[in-house]
PDB file of N, CA and C in Angstrom:
ATOM      1  N   MET A   1      84.847 216.823 243.009  1.00  0.00           N
ATOM      2  CA  MET A   1      84.393 217.930 242.196  1.00  0.00           C
ATOM      3  C   MET A   1      84.486 217.514 240.729  1.00  0.00           C
ATOM      4  N   ALA A   2      83.493 217.860 239.948  1.00  0.00           N
ATOM      5  CA  ALA A   2      83.472 217.492 238.538  1.00  0.00           C
ATOM      6  C   ALA A   2      84.573 218.210 237.771  1.00  0.00           C
ATOM      7  N   SER A   3      85.150 217.483 236.844  1.00  0.00           N
ATOM      8  CA  SER A   3      86.224 218.041 236.009  1.00  0.00           C
ATOM      9  C   SER A   3      85.606 218.764 234.815  1.00  0.00           C
ATOM     10  N   LEU A   4      86.376 219.677 234.240  1.00  0.00           N
ATOM     11  CA  LEU A   4      85.919 220.345 233.032  1.00  0.00           C
ATOM     12  C   LEU A   4      85.995 219.367 231.859  1.00  0.00           C
ATOM     13  N   SER A   5      84.928 219.311 231.070  1.00  0.00           N
ATOM     14  CA  SER A   5      84.909 218.443 229.905  1.00  0.00           C
ATOM     15  C   SER A   5      85.720 219.087 228.776  1.00  0.00           C
ATOM     16  N   LEU A   6      85.968 218.309 227.739  1.00  0.00           N
ATOM     17  CA  LEU A   6      86.670 218.833 226.572  1.00  0.00           C
ATOM     18  C   LEU A   6      85.895 220.011 225.977  1.00  0.00           C
ATOM     19  N   GLU A   7      84.579 219.895 225.937  1.00  0.00           N
ATOM     20  CA  GLU A   7      83.744 220.989 225.424  1.00  0.00           C
ATOM     21  C   GLU A   7      83.861 222.230 226.316  1.00  0.00           C
ATOM     22  N   ASP A   8      83.884 222.018 227.635  1.00  0.00           N
ATOM     23  CA  ASP A   8      84.059 223.143 228.570  1.00  0.00           C
ATOM     24  C   ASP A   8      85.388 223.852 228.327  1.00  0.00           C
ATOM     25  N   LEU A   9      86.458 223.058 228.130  1.00  0.00           N
ATOM     26  CA  LEU A   9      87.773 223.643 227.877  1.00  0.00           C
ATOM     27  C   LEU A   9      87.803 224.414 226.561  1.00  0.00           C
ATOM     28  N   GLU A  10      87.121 223.899 225.540  1.00  0.00           N
ATOM     29  CA  GLU A  10      87.053 224.616 224.265  1.00  0.00           C
ATOM     30  C   GLU A  10      86.294 225.925 224.427  1.00  0.00           C
ATOM     31  N   ASP A  11      85.196 225.887 225.186  1.00  0.00           N
ATOM     32  CA  ASP A  11      84.435 227.116 225.447  1.00  0.00           C
ATOM     33  C   ASP A  11      85.272 228.113 226.242  1.00  0.00           C
ATOM     34  N   LEU A  12      86.015 227.621 227.224  1.00  0.00           N
ATOM     35  CA  LEU A  12      86.872 228.495 228.022  1.00  0.00           C
ATOM     36  C   LEU A  12      87.954 229.121 227.158  1.00  0.00           C
ATOM     37  N   GLN A  13      88.542 228.346 226.255  1.00  0.00           N
ATOM     38  CA  GLN A  13      89.564 228.880 225.359  1.00  0.00           C
ATOM     39  C   GLN A  13      88.977 229.962 224.462  1.00  0.00           C
ATOM     40  N   SER A  14      87.815 229.726 223.919  1.00  0.00           N
ATOM     41  CA  SER A  14      87.165 230.723 223.065  1.00  0.00           C
ATOM     42  C   SER A  14      86.866 231.993 223.861  1.00  0.00           C
ATOM     43  N   PHE A  15      86.370 231.811 225.087  1.00  0.00           N
ATOM     44  CA  PHE A  15      86.090 232.952 225.949  1.00  0.00           C
ATOM     45  C   PHE A  15      87.360 233.746 226.244  1.00  0.00           C
ATOM     46  N   LEU A  16      88.445 233.035 226.576  1.00  0.00           N
ATOM     47  CA  LEU A  16      89.699 233.711 226.896  1.00  0.00           C
ATOM     48  C   LEU A  16      90.204 234.535 225.717  1.00  0.00           C
ATOM     49  N   LYS A  17      90.140 233.962 224.523  1.00  0.00           N
ATOM     50  CA  LYS A  17      90.615 234.686 223.339  1.00  0.00           C
ATOM     51  C   LYS A  17      89.785 235.950 223.114  1.00  0.00           C
ATOM     52  N   ASP A  18      88.454 235.844 223.249  1.00  0.00           N
ATOM     53  CA  ASP A  18      87.597 237.023 223.087  1.00  0.00           C
ATOM     54  C   ASP A  18      87.876 238.046 224.181  1.00  0.00           C
ATOM     55  N   TRP A  19      87.993 237.582 225.402  1.00  0.00           N
ATOM     56  CA  TRP A  19      88.244 238.462 226.541  1.00  0.00           C
ATOM     57  C   TRP A  19      89.556 239.214 226.375  1.00  0.00           C
ATOM     58  N   LEU A  20      90.609 238.496 225.996  1.00  0.00           N
ATOM     59  CA  LEU A  20      91.897 239.142 225.794  1.00  0.00           C
ATOM     60  C   LEU A  20      91.828 240.187 224.688  1.00  0.00           C
ATOM     61  N   ARG A  21      91.184 239.839 223.584  1.00  0.00           N
ATOM     62  CA  ARG A  21      91.075 240.768 222.463  1.00  0.00           C
ATOM     63  C   ARG A  21      90.289 242.021 222.857  1.00  0.00           C
ATOM     64  N   HIS A  22      89.156 241.839 223.529  1.00  0.00           N
ATOM     65  CA  HIS A  22      88.320 242.982 223.904  1.00  0.00           C
ATOM     66  C   HIS A  22      88.936 243.845 225.002  1.00  0.00           C
ATOM     67  N   SER A  23      89.774 243.228 225.828  1.00  0.00           N
ATOM     68  CA  SER A  23      90.381 244.003 226.909  1.00  0.00           C
ATOM     69  C   SER A  23      91.732 244.592 226.512  1.00  0.00           C
ATOM     70  N   GLY A  24      92.173 244.301 225.274  1.00  0.00           N
ATOM     71  CA  GLY A  24      93.453 244.833 224.821  1.00  0.00           C
ATOM     72  C   GLY A  24      94.636 244.162 225.498  1.00  0.00           C
ATOM     73  N   ARG A  25      94.452 242.946 225.932  1.00  0.00           N
ATOM     74  CA  ARG A  25      95.497 242.203 226.626  1.00  0.00           C
ATOM     75  C   ARG A  25      95.998 241.050 225.757  1.00  0.00           C
ATOM     76  N   THR A  26      97.091 240.438 226.201  1.00  0.00           N
ATOM     77  CA  THR A  26      97.696 239.346 225.468  1.00  0.00           C
ATOM     78  C   THR A  26      97.760 238.105 226.350  1.00  0.00           C
ATOM     79  N   GLN A  27      98.105 236.990 225.722  1.00  0.00           N
ATOM     80  CA  GLN A  27      98.313 235.767 226.493  1.00  0.00           C
ATOM     81  C   GLN A  27      99.467 235.955 227.470  1.00  0.00           C
ATOM     82  N   SER A  28     100.410 236.800 227.126  1.00  0.00           N
ATOM     83  CA  SER A  28     101.511 237.095 228.036  1.00  0.00           C
ATOM     84  C   SER A  28     100.999 237.801 229.299  1.00  0.00           C
ATOM     85  N   ASP A  29     100.046 238.716 229.139  1.00  0.00           N
ATOM     86  CA  ASP A  29      99.442 239.373 230.303  1.00  0.00           C
ATOM     87  C   ASP A  29      98.742 238.351 231.191  1.00  0.00           C
ATOM     88  N   LEU A  30      98.017 237.430 230.560  1.00  0.00           N
ATOM     89  CA  LEU A  30      97.311 236.394 231.325  1.00  0.00           C
ATOM     90  C   LEU A  30      98.316 235.456 232.003  1.00  0.00           C
ATOM     91  N   ARG A  31      99.402 235.148 231.325  1.00  0.00           N
ATOM     92  CA  ARG A  31     100.441 234.305 231.916  1.00  0.00           C
ATOM     93  C   ARG A  31     100.970 234.936 233.205  1.00  0.00           C
ATOM     94  N   ARG A  32     101.242 236.240 233.147  1.00  0.00           N
ATOM     95  CA  ARG A  32     101.741 236.935 234.344  1.00  0.00           C
ATOM     96  C   ARG A  32     100.693 236.924 235.448  1.00  0.00           C
ATOM     97  N   ALA A  33      99.436 237.152 235.102  1.00  0.00           N
ATOM     98  CA  ALA A  33      98.377 237.188 236.115  1.00  0.00           C
ATOM     99  C   ALA A  33      98.175 235.824 236.769  1.00  0.00           C
ATOM    100  N   LEU A  34      98.353 234.762 235.989  1.00  0.00           N
ATOM    101  CA  LEU A  34      98.186 233.404 236.523  1.00  0.00           C
ATOM    102  C   LEU A  34      99.475 232.859 237.126  1.00  0.00           C
ATOM    103  N   ARG A  35     100.595 233.553 236.884  1.00  0.00           N
ATOM    104  CA  ARG A  35     101.915 233.151 237.389  1.00  0.00           C
ATOM    105  C   ARG A  35     102.300 231.751 236.900  1.00  0.00           C
ATOM    106  N   VAL A  36     102.191 231.570 235.589  1.00  0.00           N
ATOM    107  CA  VAL A  36     102.647 230.330 234.959  1.00  0.00           C
ATOM    108  C   VAL A  36     103.859 230.642 234.090  1.00  0.00           C
ATOM    109  N   ASN A  37     104.542 229.599 233.629  1.00  0.00           N
ATOM    110  CA  ASN A  37     105.820 229.786 232.948  1.00  0.00           C
ATOM    111  C   ASN A  37     105.725 229.940 231.440  1.00  0.00           C
ATOM    112  N   SER A  38     104.542 229.813 230.852  1.00  0.00           N
ATOM    113  CA  SER A  38     104.428 229.848 229.404  1.00  0.00           C
ATOM    114  C   SER A  38     103.198 230.638 228.986  1.00  0.00           C
ATOM    115  N   ILE A  39     103.286 231.258 227.811  1.00  0.00           N
ATOM    116  CA  ILE A  39     102.133 231.984 227.279  1.00  0.00           C
ATOM    117  C   ILE A  39     101.267 231.091 226.385  1.00  0.00           C
ATOM    118  N   ARG A  40     101.687 229.850 226.184  1.00  0.00           N
ATOM    119  CA  ARG A  40     100.922 228.951 225.314  1.00  0.00           C
ATOM    120  C   ARG A  40      99.554 228.679 225.914  1.00  0.00           C
ATOM    121  N   MET A  41      98.523 228.695 225.059  1.00  0.00           N
ATOM    122  CA  MET A  41      97.154 228.514 225.517  1.00  0.00           C
ATOM    123  C   MET A  41      96.954 227.201 226.277  1.00  0.00           C
ATOM    124  N   PRO A  42      97.516 226.078 225.837  1.00  0.00           N
ATOM    125  CA  PRO A  42      97.320 224.844 226.620  1.00  0.00           C
ATOM    126  C   PRO A  42      97.833 224.948 228.059  1.00  0.00           C
ATOM    127  N   VAL A  43      98.919 225.691 228.272  1.00  0.00           N
ATOM    128  CA  VAL A  43      99.465 225.871 229.623  1.00  0.00           C
ATOM    129  C   VAL A  43      98.530 226.766 230.441  1.00  0.00           C
ATOM    130  N   LEU A  44      98.012 227.816 229.828  1.00  0.00           N
ATOM    131  CA  LEU A  44      97.077 228.702 230.518  1.00  0.00           C
ATOM    132  C   LEU A  44      95.816 227.940 230.904  1.00  0.00           C
ATOM    133  N   LEU A  45      95.291 227.144 229.957  1.00  0.00           N
ATOM    134  CA  LEU A  45      94.087 226.345 230.225  1.00  0.00           C
ATOM    135  C   LEU A  45      94.338 225.315 231.322  1.00  0.00           C
ATOM    136  N   GLU A  46      95.527 224.727 231.323  1.00  0.00           N
ATOM    137  CA  GLU A  46      95.876 223.746 232.353  1.00  0.00           C
ATOM    138  C   GLU A  46      95.830 224.382 233.743  1.00  0.00           C
ATOM    139  N   GLU A  47      96.357 225.595 233.854  1.00  0.00           N
ATOM    140  CA  GLU A  47      96.336 226.290 235.153  1.00  0.00           C
ATOM    141  C   GLU A  47      94.901 226.610 235.566  1.00  0.00           C
ATOM    142  N   LEU A  48      94.088 227.066 234.619  1.00  0.00           N
ATOM    143  CA  LEU A  48      92.687 227.358 234.934  1.00  0.00           C
ATOM    144  C   LEU A  48      91.946 226.078 235.303  1.00  0.00           C
ATOM    145  N   HIS A  49      92.296 224.981 234.663  1.00  0.00           N
ATOM    146  CA  HIS A  49      91.694 223.684 234.996  1.00  0.00           C
ATOM    147  C   HIS A  49      92.071 223.278 236.424  1.00  0.00           C
ATOM    148  N   ARG A  50      93.332 223.536 236.819  1.00  0.00           N
ATOM    149  CA  ARG A  50      93.760 223.261 238.192  1.00  0.00           C
ATOM    150  C   ARG A  50      92.981 224.123 239.192  1.00  0.00           C
ATOM    151  N   ILE A  51      92.791 225.392 238.856  1.00  0.00           N
ATOM    152  CA  ILE A  51      92.022 226.276 239.741  1.00  0.00           C
ATOM    153  C   ILE A  51      90.607 225.729 239.882  1.00  0.00           C
ATOM    154  N   HIS A  52      90.009 225.311 238.784  1.00  0.00           N
ATOM    155  CA  HIS A  52      88.661 224.721 238.830  1.00  0.00           C
ATOM    156  C   HIS A  52      88.650 223.483 239.716  1.00  0.00           C
ATOM    157  N   GLY A  53      89.682 222.641 239.611  1.00  0.00           N
ATOM    158  CA  GLY A  53      89.748 221.437 240.422  1.00  0.00           C
ATOM    159  C   GLY A  53      89.837 221.725 241.909  1.00  0.00           C
ATOM    160  N   ARG A  54      90.541 222.800 242.275  1.00  0.00           N
ATOM    161  CA  ARG A  54      90.705 223.172 243.687  1.00  0.00           C
ATOM    162  C   ARG A  54      89.524 223.960 244.228  1.00  0.00           C
ATOM    163  N   GLU A  55      89.002 224.895 243.413  1.00  0.00           N
ATOM    164  CA  GLU A  55      88.052 225.881 243.920  1.00  0.00           C
ATOM    165  C   GLU A  55      86.685 225.816 243.268  1.00  0.00           C
ATOM    166  N   GLY A  56      86.519 224.953 242.271  1.00  0.00           N
ATOM    167  CA  GLY A  56      85.234 224.835 241.605  1.00  0.00           C
ATOM    168  C   GLY A  56      85.010 225.945 240.593  1.00  0.00           C
ATOM    169  N   LEU A  57      83.846 225.907 239.981  1.00  0.00           N
ATOM    170  CA  LEU A  57      83.506 226.875 238.945  1.00  0.00           C
ATOM    171  C   LEU A  57      83.419 228.296 239.499  1.00  0.00           C
ATOM    172  N   ASN A  58      82.886 228.424 240.714  1.00  0.00           N
ATOM    173  CA  ASN A  58      82.823 229.765 241.312  1.00  0.00           C
ATOM    174  C   ASN A  58      84.215 230.325 241.554  1.00  0.00           C
ATOM    175  N   GLY A  59      85.129 229.488 242.020  1.00  0.00           N
ATOM    176  CA  GLY A  59      86.505 229.933 242.251  1.00  0.00           C
ATOM    177  C   GLY A  59      87.188 230.341 240.960  1.00  0.00           C
ATOM    178  N   LEU A  60      86.932 229.586 239.887  1.00  0.00           N
ATOM    179  CA  LEU A  60      87.496 229.929 238.586  1.00  0.00           C
ATOM    180  C   LEU A  60      86.971 231.275 238.109  1.00  0.00           C
ATOM    181  N   ALA A  61      85.655 231.462 238.206  1.00  0.00           N
ATOM    182  CA  ALA A  61      85.067 232.735 237.772  1.00  0.00           C
ATOM    183  C   ALA A  61      85.570 233.893 238.626  1.00  0.00           C
ATOM    184  N   GLU A  62      85.696 233.676 239.924  1.00  0.00           N
ATOM    185  CA  GLU A  62      86.205 234.734 240.804  1.00  0.00           C
ATOM    186  C   GLU A  62      87.648 235.088 240.452  1.00  0.00           C
ATOM    187  N   ARG A  63      88.455 234.099 240.110  1.00  0.00           N
ATOM    188  CA  ARG A  63      89.852 234.359 239.732  1.00  0.00           C
ATOM    189  C   ARG A  63      89.917 235.208 238.464  1.00  0.00           C
ATOM    190  N   LEU A  64      89.097 234.839 237.459  1.00  0.00           N
ATOM    191  CA  LEU A  64      89.084 235.600 236.207  1.00  0.00           C
ATOM    192  C   LEU A  64      88.562 237.021 236.440  1.00  0.00           C
ATOM    193  N   CYS A  65      87.545 237.154 237.279  1.00  0.00           N
ATOM    194  CA  CYS A  65      87.032 238.495 237.597  1.00  0.00           C
ATOM    195  C   CYS A  65      88.089 239.317 238.331  1.00  0.00           C
ATOM    196  N   GLY A  66      88.837 238.678 239.212  1.00  0.00           N
ATOM    197  CA  GLY A  66      89.918 239.367 239.920  1.00  0.00           C
ATOM    198  C   GLY A  66      90.994 239.854 238.972  1.00  0.00           C
ATOM    199  N   ILE A  67      91.332 239.021 237.996  1.00  0.00           N
ATOM    200  CA  ILE A  67      92.317 239.423 236.986  1.00  0.00           C
ATOM    201  C   ILE A  67      91.790 240.606 236.190  1.00  0.00           C
ATOM    202  N   ASP A  68      90.522 240.550 235.816  1.00  0.00           N
ATOM    203  CA  ASP A  68      89.920 241.643 235.056  1.00  0.00           C
ATOM    204  C   ASP A  68      89.954 242.943 235.852  1.00  0.00           C
ATOM    205  N   LEU A  69      89.654 242.879 237.133  1.00  0.00           N
ATOM    206  CA  LEU A  69      89.709 244.076 237.982  1.00  0.00           C
ATOM    207  C   LEU A  69      91.134 244.612 238.086  1.00  0.00           C
ATOM    208  N   LEU A  70      92.090 243.715 238.241  1.00  0.00           N
ATOM    209  CA  LEU A  70      93.493 244.120 238.282  1.00  0.00           C
ATOM    210  C   LEU A  70      93.886 244.833 237.001  1.00  0.00           C
ATOM    211  N   TRP A  71      93.475 244.285 235.875  1.00  0.00           N
ATOM    212  CA  TRP A  71      93.806 244.881 234.585  1.00  0.00           C
ATOM    213  C   TRP A  71      93.159 246.251 234.410  1.00  0.00           C
ATOM    214  N   GLN A  72      91.987 246.433 234.983  1.00  0.00           N
ATOM    215  CA  GLN A  72      91.343 247.742 234.876  1.00  0.00           C
ATOM    216  C   GLN A  72      92.129 248.817 235.618  1.00  0.00           C
ATOM    217  N   GLU A  73      92.843 248.406 236.655  1.00  0.00           N
ATOM    218  CA  GLU A  73      93.635 249.352 237.439  1.00  0.00           C
ATOM    219  C   GLU A  73      94.974 249.672 236.776  1.00  0.00           C
ATOM    220  N   GLN A  74      95.389 248.821 235.826  1.00  0.00           N
ATOM    221  CA  GLN A  74      96.678 249.001 235.161  1.00  0.00           C
ATOM    222  C   GLN A  74      96.446 249.292 233.684  1.00  0.00           C
ATOM    223  N   PRO A  75      97.220 250.193 233.107  1.00  0.00           N
ATOM    224  CA  PRO A  75      97.098 250.401 231.663  1.00  0.00           C
ATOM    225  C   PRO A  75      97.547 249.165 230.917  1.00  0.00           C
ATOM    226  N   SER A  76      96.905 248.914 229.803  1.00  0.00           N
ATOM    227  CA  SER A  76      97.264 247.794 228.944  1.00  0.00           C
ATOM    228  C   SER A  76      98.638 248.024 228.356  1.00  0.00           C
ATOM    229  N   SER A  77      99.380 246.953 228.141  1.00  0.00           N
ATOM    230  CA  SER A  77     100.673 247.095 227.483  1.00  0.00           C
ATOM    231  C   SER A  77     100.501 247.491 226.026  1.00  0.00           C
ATOM    232  N   ALA A  78      99.324 247.217 225.462  1.00  0.00           N
ATOM    233  CA  ALA A  78      99.057 247.546 224.065  1.00  0.00           C
ATOM    234  C   ALA A  78      98.771 249.036 223.882  1.00  0.00           C
ATOM    235  N   ASP A  79      98.095 249.646 224.872  1.00  0.00           N
ATOM    236  CA  ASP A  79      97.823 251.083 224.782  1.00  0.00           C
ATOM    237  C   ASP A  79      97.831 251.676 226.183  1.00  0.00           C
ATOM    238  N   GLY A  80      98.548 252.755 226.337  1.00  0.00           N
ATOM    239  CA  GLY A  80      98.736 253.359 227.642  1.00  0.00           C
ATOM    240  C   GLY A  80      97.486 253.856 228.312  1.00  0.00           C
ATOM    241  N   ASP A  81      96.504 254.318 227.552  1.00  0.00           N
ATOM    242  CA  ASP A  81      95.313 254.888 228.138  1.00  0.00           C
ATOM    243  C   ASP A  81      94.255 253.854 228.447  1.00  0.00           C
ATOM    244  N   GLY A  82      94.272 252.694 227.792  1.00  0.00           N
ATOM    245  CA  GLY A  82      93.196 251.731 227.954  1.00  0.00           C
ATOM    246  C   GLY A  82      91.995 252.173 227.136  1.00  0.00           C
ATOM    247  N   ASP A  83      91.087 251.266 226.930  1.00  0.00           N
ATOM    248  CA  ASP A  83      89.893 251.557 226.141  1.00  0.00           C
ATOM    249  C   ASP A  83      88.685 251.214 226.994  1.00  0.00           C
ATOM    250  N   LEU A  84      88.092 252.215 227.637  1.00  0.00           N
ATOM    251  CA  LEU A  84      87.025 251.977 228.589  1.00  0.00           C
ATOM    252  C   LEU A  84      85.851 251.191 228.027  1.00  0.00           C
ATOM    253  N   PRO A  85      85.356 251.461 226.820  1.00  0.00           N
ATOM    254  CA  PRO A  85      84.263 250.641 226.334  1.00  0.00           C
ATOM    255  C   PRO A  85      84.618 249.166 226.249  1.00  0.00           C
ATOM    256  N   ASP A  86      85.820 248.835 225.828  1.00  0.00           N
ATOM    257  CA  ASP A  86      86.230 247.437 225.759  1.00  0.00           C
ATOM    258  C   ASP A  86      86.355 246.836 227.152  1.00  0.00           C
ATOM    259  N   LEU A  87      86.895 247.580 228.114  1.00  0.00           N
ATOM    260  CA  LEU A  87      86.991 247.075 229.473  1.00  0.00           C
ATOM    261  C   LEU A  87      85.617 246.836 230.069  1.00  0.00           C
ATOM    262  N   GLU A  88      84.694 247.751 229.839  1.00  0.00           N
ATOM    263  CA  GLU A  88      83.343 247.564 230.334  1.00  0.00           C
ATOM    264  C   GLU A  88      82.684 246.352 229.684  1.00  0.00           C
ATOM    265  N   SER A  89      82.948 246.144 228.411  1.00  0.00           N
ATOM    266  CA  SER A  89      82.404 244.994 227.705  1.00  0.00           C
ATOM    267  C   SER A  89      82.947 243.703 228.277  1.00  0.00           C
ATOM    268  N   SER A  90      84.262 243.648 228.536  1.00  0.00           N
ATOM    269  CA  SER A  90      84.843 242.416 229.063  1.00  0.00           C
ATOM    270  C   SER A  90      84.353 242.148 230.483  1.00  0.00           C
ATOM    271  N   LEU A  91      84.201 243.192 231.281  1.00  0.00           N
ATOM    272  CA  LEU A  91      83.670 243.011 232.622  1.00  0.00           C
ATOM    273  C   LEU A  91      82.235 242.519 232.554  1.00  0.00           C
ATOM    274  N   GLY A  92      81.464 243.056 231.605  1.00  0.00           N
ATOM    275  CA  GLY A  92      80.091 242.596 231.413  1.00  0.00           C
ATOM    276  C   GLY A  92      80.045 241.131 231.047  1.00  0.00           C
ATOM    277  N   GLN A  93      80.978 240.687 230.209  1.00  0.00           N
ATOM    278  CA  GLN A  93      81.036 239.269 229.834  1.00  0.00           C
ATOM    279  C   GLN A  93      81.358 238.410 231.049  1.00  0.00           C
ATOM    280  N   LEU A  94      82.276 238.872 231.886  1.00  0.00           N
ATOM    281  CA  LEU A  94      82.606 238.116 233.094  1.00  0.00           C
ATOM    282  C   LEU A  94      81.433 238.087 234.059  1.00  0.00           C
ATOM    283  N   ASP A  95      80.702 239.191 234.162  1.00  0.00           N
ATOM    284  CA  ASP A  95      79.516 239.212 235.008  1.00  0.00           C
ATOM    285  C   ASP A  95      78.477 238.213 234.517  1.00  0.00           C
ATOM    286  N   LEU A  96      78.283 238.143 233.192  1.00  0.00           N
ATOM    287  CA  LEU A  96      77.341 237.184 232.627  1.00  0.00           C
ATOM    288  C   LEU A  96      77.790 235.754 232.909  1.00  0.00           C
ATOM    289  N   LEU A  97      79.094 235.479 232.791  1.00  0.00           N
ATOM    290  CA  LEU A  97      79.629 234.154 233.078  1.00  0.00           C
ATOM    291  C   LEU A  97      79.386 233.794 234.539  1.00  0.00           C
ATOM    292  N   LEU A  98      79.674 234.719 235.448  1.00  0.00           N
ATOM    293  CA  LEU A  98      79.473 234.469 236.866  1.00  0.00           C
ATOM    294  C   LEU A  98      77.992 234.218 237.168  1.00  0.00           C
ATOM    295  N   GLU A  99      77.103 234.983 236.551  1.00  0.00           N
ATOM    296  CA  GLU A  99      75.665 234.793 236.749  1.00  0.00           C
ATOM    297  C   GLU A  99      75.221 233.420 236.241  1.00  0.00           C
ATOM    298  N   GLU A 100      75.738 233.021 235.081  1.00  0.00           N
ATOM    299  CA  GLU A 100      75.410 231.701 234.534  1.00  0.00           C
ATOM    300  C   GLU A 100      75.883 230.599 235.476  1.00  0.00           C
ATOM    301  N   ILE A 101      77.073 230.771 236.046  1.00  0.00           N
ATOM    302  CA  ILE A 101      77.603 229.799 236.985  1.00  0.00           C
ATOM    303  C   ILE A 101      76.718 229.718 238.214  1.00  0.00           C
ATOM    304  N   ARG A 102      76.293 230.853 238.715  1.00  0.00           N
ATOM    305  CA  ARG A 102      75.444 230.868 239.917  1.00  0.00           C
ATOM    306  C   ARG A 102      74.107 230.196 239.647  1.00  0.00           C
ATOM    307  N   GLN A 103      73.577 230.350 238.446  1.00  0.00           N
ATOM    308  CA  GLN A 103      72.281 229.753 238.127  1.00  0.00           C
ATOM    309  C   GLN A 103      72.369 228.257 237.891  1.00  0.00           C
ATOM    310  N   GLY A 104      73.457 227.811 237.233  1.00  0.00           N
ATOM    311  CA  GLY A 104      73.514 226.400 236.859  1.00  0.00           C
ATOM    312  C   GLY A 104      74.632 225.628 237.482  1.00  0.00           C
ATOM    313  N   GLY A 105      75.507 226.274 238.183  1.00  0.00           N
ATOM    314  CA  GLY A 105      76.698 225.606 238.690  1.00  0.00           C
ATOM    315  C   GLY A 105      76.625 225.209 240.136  1.00  0.00           C
ATOM    316  N   THR A 106      75.437 224.965 240.677  1.00  0.00           N
ATOM    317  CA  THR A 106      75.319 224.650 242.106  1.00  0.00           C
ATOM    318  C   THR A 106      75.389 223.160 242.390  1.00  0.00           C
ATOM    319  N   THR A 107      75.593 222.310 241.367  1.00  0.00           N
ATOM    320  CA  THR A 107      75.590 220.868 241.592  1.00  0.00           C
ATOM    321  C   THR A 107      76.840 220.396 242.325  1.00  0.00           C
ATOM    322  N   ASP A 108      77.953 221.132 242.230  1.00  0.00           N
ATOM    323  CA  ASP A 108      79.204 220.722 242.875  1.00  0.00           C
ATOM    324  C   ASP A 108      79.304 221.213 244.327  1.00  0.00           C
ATOM    325  N   GLY A 109      78.439 222.118 244.716  1.00  0.00           N
ATOM    326  CA  GLY A 109      78.452 222.597 246.103  1.00  0.00           C
ATOM    327  C   GLY A 109      79.131 223.837 246.247  1.00  0.00           C
TER     328      GLY A 109
END
């Protein structure tokens, strides 16, 4: 299975930062969802890179979508009520990512 390039990892990091900001979540929330020991972005990216290595791009996108769905069911630690427009926006971004993967990510099988 093809590995994520440095450019892919930079894009993923940018996406994660935007996603966390729009969903009202923190790197600590993502750390808990991924069950890793550190909130540092390189550690989070390393875990996502491992998921990609095991499950491919579709598996990575499905994992992130699953985390997003889990977060929608739980109030954000930043605000008890959550912000529905931001949650809908982040889910829309994940849907677009998954669609892009389905259109162009079929080379790995």
